[in-house]
Amino acid sequence: MCIAAAACAALPDIDVLGAPLIAHRGITHSLLFAVAAAALATALWFHGRRGVLVVLSVALLSHSFLDALSSYSVGVAFLAPFSDVRYRFLWTPLGDPAGRLSRQLVQEVWLVLVPPLLATWLGLRLRRST
């Protein structure tokens, strides 16, 4: 299931293969796409288990939510295909205004990678202590 969740987390960027016909951060980043793709993957490979559906949906949505935290985009079409409005969160800590990739990668490590690693470490410690 971990491989499926990782694949789902990367899946929304499949829209770059359809450029210029499909807008980046459009329908493949929408809430509808996340639920539909997770439901399809769950039905095909996990025999419709609801817990897996939730995990894969969260993996898909995490990609779109992280994109909405970036300062270098025009936003995410969360409600596509019903609306073309694009959304960004008020706090957009991801992205370097000067466009330096190295600085952006450092930001992503601290804001995207370190918190779940710390939560996992803490959870494992708490689990061992009980």
Foldseek 3Di string as FASTA:
>chain_A
DVVLLQCLLPQLQVCVVVPPVGDRLEPSQALVVLLVVLQVCCVVPVVRDPVSSVSSSCSNNVNQLLVLLAPPDPAHHHPPPVDPDGHHDPHRQADDPVRDPVVNVVSCCVPPPVVVVVVVVVVVVVVVVD
